[in-house]
Amino acid sequence: MITTYTDFRLVKAEMATRYPARRPVRRDSSLEIMRRTLARNSREELDPGHRR
């Protein structure tokens, strides 16, 4: 079956439904990773039994 599109917006809508857009991956800076690690380590030192 061949479908001819007369409107470019229809083509874009069809493509969007057939191929959903991928979510952009969040890249953390090394500073952010260090901050998070330090926070986790200090939490574990303050309350060793507690798990999030």
Protein backbone atom coordinates (compact mmCIF):
# COMPACT_ATOMS: atom_id res chain seq x y z
CA MET A 1 0.00 0.00 0.00
CA ILE A 2 1.46 3.33 -1.04
CA THR A 3 0.37 6.47 0.80
CA THR A 4 1.10 9.83 -0.77
CA TYR A 5 1.36 12.78 1.61
CA THR A 6 0.38 16.21 0.41
CA ASP A 7 1.17 18.00 3.66
CA PHE A 8 4.62 17.98 5.24
CA ARG A 9 3.03 18.29 8.70
CA LEU A 10 1.32 14.94 8.15
CA VAL A 11 4.68 13.38 7.34
CA LYS A 12 6.21 14.81 10.51
CA ALA A 13 3.28 13.62 12.62
CA GLU A 14 3.53 10.14 11.13
CA MET A 15 7.27 10.00 11.78
CA ALA A 16 6.78 11.19 15.37
CA THR A 17 4.28 8.42 16.11
CA ARG A 18 6.36 5.74 14.40
CA TYR A 19 9.74 6.76 15.81
CA PRO A 20 9.45 8.39 19.25
CA ALA A 21 12.20 10.89 20.06
CA ARG A 22 14.93 9.69 22.39
CA ARG A 23 15.34 11.46 25.69
CA PRO A 24 18.53 13.50 25.94
CA VAL A 25 20.96 11.90 28.38
CA ARG A 26 21.99 14.11 31.27
CA ARG A 27 25.77 14.35 31.53
CA ASP A 28 26.92 15.26 35.01
CA SER A 29 30.04 17.32 35.47
CA SER A 30 32.82 15.83 37.56
CA LEU A 31 32.09 18.48 40.22
CA GLU A 32 28.49 17.30 40.47
CA ILE A 33 29.62 13.68 40.82
CA MET A 34 32.15 14.58 43.53
CA ARG A 35 29.53 16.58 45.43
CA ARG A 36 27.05 13.71 45.31
CA THR A 37 29.69 11.19 46.41
CA LEU A 38 30.76 13.36 49.33
CA ALA A 39 27.14 13.80 50.41
CA ARG A 40 26.57 10.03 50.27
CA ASN A 41 29.74 9.30 52.24
CA SER A 42 28.90 11.83 54.95
CA ARG A 43 25.34 10.43 55.21
CA GLU A 44 26.73 6.92 55.70
CA GLU A 45 29.18 8.16 58.36
CA LEU A 46 26.43 9.99 60.24
CA ASP A 47 23.92 7.13 60.15
CA PRO A 48 25.54 3.83 59.08
CA GLY A 49 22.37 1.71 59.35
CA HIS A 50 20.16 3.99 57.31
CA ARG A 51 19.56 3.14 53.64
CA ARG A 52 17.82 5.45 51.22
